[in-house]
């Protein structure tokens, strides 16, 4: 099993920045398919960004150019840097990873963008 623990959420004004971190309970090197998702009340969870072991990244169109995802193998963390935040980025953000053919999710961290 793997536990994923997110941190870094909070309240920020439009145009501001936040950095989210995801700390797995195992060495990040053994976890594949890592990414960030988000969910707002009454809506399905949506994919935000992902990174593969080799470092290649992909982003949803809604965040492309504003968010950056990377794997910090030295510190065994997955990070999401969010810049130029908009009110529509408000959501609970979840970290996802895959270990031994099972998907695991963190508990989520709230991001609120509001003036």
C-alpha atoms as a PDB file:
ATOM      1  CA  UNK A   1       0.000   0.000   0.000  1.00  0.00           C
ATOM      2  CA  UNK A   2       0.889   3.641  -0.398  1.00  0.00           C
ATOM      3  CA  UNK A   3      -0.334   6.683   1.488  1.00  0.00           C
ATOM      4  CA  UNK A   4      -0.222  10.044  -0.250  1.00  0.00           C
ATOM      5  CA  UNK A   5      -0.310  13.182   1.875  1.00  0.00           C
ATOM      6  CA  UNK A   6      -0.970  16.558   0.267  1.00  0.00           C
ATOM      7  CA  UNK A   7      -0.079  19.921   1.729  1.00  0.00           C
ATOM      8  CA  UNK A   8       0.153  23.545   0.666  1.00  0.00           C
ATOM      9  CA  UNK A   9      -3.445  24.503   0.016  1.00  0.00           C
ATOM     10  CA  UNK A  10      -5.020  27.670   1.324  1.00  0.00           C
ATOM     11  CA  UNK A  11      -6.681  30.964   0.475  1.00  0.00           C
ATOM     12  CA  UNK A  12      -5.088  33.203  -2.135  1.00  0.00           C
ATOM     13  CA  UNK A  13      -6.199  36.260  -4.087  1.00  0.00           C
ATOM     14  CA  UNK A  14      -6.733  36.103  -7.848  1.00  0.00           C
ATOM     15  CA  UNK A  15      -3.401  36.375  -9.614  1.00  0.00           C
ATOM     16  CA  UNK A  16      -1.553  34.858  -6.683  1.00  0.00           C
ATOM     17  CA  UNK A  17       0.447  31.657  -6.366  1.00  0.00           C
ATOM     18  CA  UNK A  18       0.422  28.484  -4.295  1.00  0.00           C
ATOM     19  CA  UNK A  19       2.621  25.424  -4.237  1.00  0.00           C
ATOM     20  CA  UNK A  20       1.141  22.022  -3.459  1.00  0.00           C
ATOM     21  CA  UNK A  21       3.205  19.058  -2.332  1.00  0.00           C
ATOM     22  CA  UNK A  22       2.424  15.359  -2.200  1.00  0.00           C
ATOM     23  CA  UNK A  23       4.505  13.108   0.027  1.00  0.00           C
ATOM     24  CA  UNK A  24       4.178   9.367  -0.579  1.00  0.00           C
ATOM     25  CA  UNK A  25       4.805   6.838   2.177  1.00  0.00           C
ATOM     26  CA  UNK A  26       7.157   4.926  -0.143  1.00  0.00           C
ATOM     27  CA  UNK A  27      10.072   6.065  -2.245  1.00  0.00           C
ATOM     28  CA  UNK A  28       8.604   8.064  -5.092  1.00  0.00           C
ATOM     29  CA  UNK A  29      10.834   6.135  -7.482  1.00  0.00           C
ATOM     30  CA  UNK A  30       8.554   3.068  -7.161  1.00  0.00           C
ATOM     31  CA  UNK A  31       5.353   5.040  -7.806  1.00  0.00           C
ATOM     32  CA  UNK A  32       4.184   5.606 -11.349  1.00  0.00           C
ATOM     33  CA  UNK A  33       1.400   7.556 -12.996  1.00  0.00           C
ATOM     34  CA  UNK A  34       1.626  10.487 -10.613  1.00  0.00           C
ATOM     35  CA  UNK A  35      -0.562  13.480 -11.104  1.00  0.00           C
ATOM     36  CA  UNK A  36      -2.885  16.091  -9.647  1.00  0.00           C
ATOM     37  CA  UNK A  37      -6.639  16.197  -9.921  1.00  0.00           C
ATOM     38  CA  UNK A  38      -9.235  18.590  -8.550  1.00  0.00           C
ATOM     39  CA  UNK A  39     -12.886  18.506  -7.641  1.00  0.00           C
ATOM     40  CA  UNK A  40     -15.574  21.057  -6.827  1.00  0.00           C
ATOM     41  CA  UNK A  41     -18.925  20.276  -5.166  1.00  0.00           C
ATOM     42  CA  UNK A  42     -21.381  18.617  -7.510  1.00  0.00           C
ATOM     43  CA  UNK A  43     -18.806  18.001 -10.235  1.00  0.00           C
ATOM     44  CA  UNK A  44     -16.673  15.065 -11.239  1.00  0.00           C
ATOM     45  CA  UNK A  45     -13.031  14.989 -10.323  1.00  0.00           C
ATOM     46  CA  UNK A  46     -10.983  16.381 -13.194  1.00  0.00           C
ATOM     47  CA  UNK A  47      -7.417  15.810 -14.236  1.00  0.00           C
ATOM     48  CA  UNK A  48      -5.066  18.792 -13.845  1.00  0.00           C
ATOM     49  CA  UNK A  49      -1.537  17.627 -14.607  1.00  0.00           C
ATOM     50  CA  UNK A  50       0.633  14.531 -14.649  1.00  0.00           C
ATOM     51  CA  UNK A  51       4.282  13.556 -14.857  1.00  0.00           C
ATOM     52  CA  UNK A  52       5.921  10.278 -15.801  1.00  0.00           C
ATOM     53  CA  UNK A  53       9.072   8.783 -14.316  1.00  0.00           C
ATOM     54  CA  UNK A  54      11.196  10.128 -17.136  1.00  0.00           C
ATOM     55  CA  UNK A  55      10.001  13.659 -16.414  1.00  0.00           C
ATOM     56  CA  UNK A  56       7.619  14.225 -19.312  1.00  0.00           C
ATOM     57  CA  UNK A  57       4.619  16.322 -18.270  1.00  0.00           C
ATOM     58  CA  UNK A  58       1.098  16.980 -19.463  1.00  0.00           C
ATOM     59  CA  UNK A  59      -1.446  19.616 -18.488  1.00  0.00           C
ATOM     60  CA  UNK A  60      -5.132  20.287 -18.854  1.00  0.00           C
ATOM     61  CA  UNK A  61      -5.782  23.162 -21.225  1.00  0.00           C
ATOM     62  CA  UNK A  62      -7.318  25.189 -18.401  1.00  0.00           C
ATOM     63  CA  UNK A  63      -4.023  25.309 -16.475  1.00  0.00           C
ATOM     64  CA  UNK A  64      -1.434  25.123 -19.253  1.00  0.00           C
ATOM     65  CA  UNK A  65       1.106  27.928 -18.957  1.00  0.00           C
ATOM     66  CA  UNK A  66       0.121  28.676 -15.358  1.00  0.00           C
ATOM     67  CA  UNK A  67       0.781  25.409 -13.490  1.00  0.00           C
ATOM     68  CA  UNK A  68       3.987  23.378 -13.354  1.00  0.00           C
ATOM     69  CA  UNK A  69       4.304  19.803 -12.096  1.00  0.00           C
ATOM     70  CA  UNK A  70       7.492  17.977 -11.241  1.00  0.00           C
ATOM     71  CA  UNK A  71       8.802  14.973  -9.370  1.00  0.00           C
ATOM     72  CA  UNK A  72      11.457  15.704  -6.760  1.00  0.00           C
ATOM     73  CA  UNK A  73      13.111  12.311  -6.540  1.00  0.00           C
ATOM     74  CA  UNK A  74      15.755  13.496  -4.067  1.00  0.00           C
ATOM     75  CA  UNK A  75      13.101  14.543  -1.552  1.00  0.00           C
ATOM     76  CA  UNK A  76      10.504  11.986  -2.697  1.00  0.00           C
ATOM     77  CA  UNK A  77       7.805  14.541  -3.382  1.00  0.00           C
ATOM     78  CA  UNK A  78       5.424  15.484  -6.141  1.00  0.00           C
ATOM     79  CA  UNK A  79       4.968  19.228  -6.489  1.00  0.00           C
ATOM     80  CA  UNK A  80       2.475  21.451  -8.283  1.00  0.00           C
ATOM     81  CA  UNK A  81       3.369  25.119  -8.638  1.00  0.00           C
ATOM     82  CA  UNK A  82       0.266  27.167  -9.378  1.00  0.00           C
ATOM     83  CA  UNK A  83       0.675  30.728 -10.666  1.00  0.00           C
ATOM     84  CA  UNK A  84      -1.779  33.339 -11.916  1.00  0.00           C
ATOM     85  CA  UNK A  85      -4.543  31.653  -9.994  1.00  0.00           C
ATOM     86  CA  UNK A  86      -8.146  32.330 -10.965  1.00  0.00           C
ATOM     87  CA  UNK A  87     -11.367  31.952  -8.975  1.00  0.00           C
ATOM     88  CA  UNK A  88     -12.260  28.981 -11.178  1.00  0.00           C
ATOM     89  CA  UNK A  89      -9.191  27.163  -9.855  1.00  0.00           C
ATOM     90  CA  UNK A  90     -10.956  26.902  -6.491  1.00  0.00           C
ATOM     91  CA  UNK A  91     -11.299  23.209  -5.653  1.00  0.00           C
ATOM     92  CA  UNK A  92     -10.035  20.384  -3.506  1.00  0.00           C
ATOM     93  CA  UNK A  93      -6.805  19.165  -5.084  1.00  0.00           C
ATOM     94  CA  UNK A  94      -5.859  15.492  -4.932  1.00  0.00           C
ATOM     95  CA  UNK A  95      -2.588  13.723  -5.549  1.00  0.00           C
ATOM     96  CA  UNK A  96      -2.711  10.391  -7.372  1.00  0.00           C
ATOM     97  CA  UNK A  97      -0.124   7.672  -7.771  1.00  0.00           C
ATOM     98  CA  UNK A  98       0.055   4.091  -8.974  1.00  0.00           C
ATOM     99  CA  UNK A  99       1.795   1.274  -7.124  1.00  0.00           C
ATOM    100  CA  UNK A 100       1.677  -2.418  -8.003  1.00  0.00           C
ATOM    101  CA  UNK A 101      -1.172  -1.901 -10.467  1.00  0.00           C
ATOM    102  CA  UNK A 102      -3.372  -0.054  -7.978  1.00  0.00           C
ATOM    103  CA  UNK A 103      -4.238   3.625  -7.943  1.00  0.00           C
ATOM    104  CA  UNK A 104      -3.945   5.546  -4.705  1.00  0.00           C
ATOM    105  CA  UNK A 105      -5.310   8.973  -3.764  1.00  0.00           C
ATOM    106  CA  UNK A 106      -4.453  11.464  -1.100  1.00  0.00           C
ATOM    107  CA  UNK A 107      -7.026  13.020   1.214  1.00  0.00           C
ATOM    108  CA  UNK A 108      -7.051  16.291  -0.694  1.00  0.00           C
ATOM    109  CA  UNK A 109      -6.123  19.869   0.099  1.00  0.00           C
ATOM    110  CA  UNK A 110      -8.427  22.859  -0.331  1.00  0.00           C
ATOM    111  CA  UNK A 111      -7.422  25.684  -2.642  1.00  0.00           C
ATOM    112  CA  UNK A 112      -9.591  28.792  -2.563  1.00  0.00           C
ATOM    113  CA  UNK A 113      -8.981  31.705  -4.916  1.00  0.00           C
ATOM    114  CA  UNK A 114     -10.965  34.723  -3.823  1.00  0.00           C
ATOM    115  CA  UNK A 115     -10.600  38.420  -3.168  1.00  0.00           C
END
